[in-house]
Amino acid sequence: MTMDCQQVEELLSSYVNNELTIGLRDAVAAHLQDCSACQLVEEEYLALQSLCQRDARPTLADTKAFS
């Protein structure tokens, strides 16, 4: 399955979150190998995902045991 940039960009969030079927995941990955524009969008999703995961962690001050 060959995908264009619009199709890939619509699936990138799900791709980064490992929510795609194997077939769709492989098609997005194949497109990303050759498309620097979509690679940049993927990097933005990955950076946002990393930021969200880092900010979602509770700190010691957030727990009742340490307040």
Protein backbone atom coordinates (compact mmCIF):
# COMPACT_ATOMS: atom_id res chain seq x y z
CA MET A 1 0.00 0.00 0.00
CA THR A 2 1.46 3.33 -1.07
CA MET A 3 0.46 6.42 0.90
CA ASP A 4 0.75 10.12 0.17
CA CYS A 5 1.68 12.83 2.67
CA GLN A 6 -1.92 13.73 3.49
CA GLN A 7 -2.81 10.13 4.32
CA VAL A 8 0.32 9.71 6.44
CA GLU A 9 -0.18 12.97 8.32
CA GLU A 10 -3.71 11.88 9.24
CA LEU A 11 -2.29 8.67 10.75
CA LEU A 12 0.88 9.98 12.40
CA SER A 13 -0.62 10.48 15.84
CA SER A 14 -1.89 6.91 15.85
CA TYR A 15 1.42 5.71 14.39
CA VAL A 16 3.45 7.36 17.15
CA ASN A 17 1.08 5.92 19.77
CA ASN A 18 1.30 2.39 18.27
CA GLU A 19 -2.43 2.31 17.58
CA LEU A 20 -2.33 1.23 13.91
CA THR A 21 -2.79 -2.20 12.42
CA ILE A 22 0.40 -3.84 11.19
CA GLY A 23 -0.50 -3.10 7.57
CA LEU A 24 -1.10 0.59 8.15
CA ARG A 25 1.95 0.86 10.39
CA ASP A 26 4.15 -0.69 7.69
CA ALA A 27 2.71 1.64 5.03
CA VAL A 28 3.34 4.74 7.17
CA ALA A 29 6.86 3.53 8.01
CA ALA A 30 7.62 2.95 4.32
CA HIS A 31 6.46 6.47 3.46
CA LEU A 32 8.49 7.97 6.30
CA GLN A 33 11.68 6.36 5.00
CA ASP A 34 11.52 8.48 1.84
CA CYS A 35 9.70 11.65 2.89
CA SER A 36 11.64 14.26 4.84
CA ALA A 37 8.55 16.48 5.22
CA CYS A 38 6.60 13.74 6.99
CA GLN A 39 9.69 12.83 9.02
CA LEU A 40 9.65 16.37 10.42
CA VAL A 41 5.98 16.05 11.35
CA GLU A 42 6.72 12.70 13.01
CA GLU A 43 9.52 14.32 15.01
CA GLU A 44 7.08 16.99 16.20
CA TYR A 45 4.62 14.31 17.34
CA LEU A 46 7.39 12.43 19.14
CA ALA A 47 8.59 15.60 20.87
CA LEU A 48 5.04 16.43 21.96
CA GLN A 49 4.49 12.88 23.17
CA SER A 50 7.72 13.01 25.17
CA LEU A 51 6.76 16.33 26.70
CA CYS A 52 3.30 15.06 27.66
CA GLN A 53 4.70 11.90 29.22
CA ARG A 54 7.30 13.83 31.18
CA ASP A 55 4.74 16.34 32.48
CA ALA A 56 2.24 13.61 33.39
CA ARG A 57 4.49 12.09 36.03
CA PRO A 58 3.61 13.05 39.58
CA THR A 59 6.24 14.71 41.70
CA LEU A 60 6.86 13.99 45.37
CA ALA A 61 4.93 17.15 46.24
CA ASP A 62 1.90 15.72 44.39
CA THR A 63 1.65 12.71 46.69
CA LYS A 64 -0.14 12.78 50.04
CA ALA A 65 2.66 10.87 51.75
CA PHE A 66 5.05 13.77 51.26
CA SER A 67 2.81 16.76 51.90
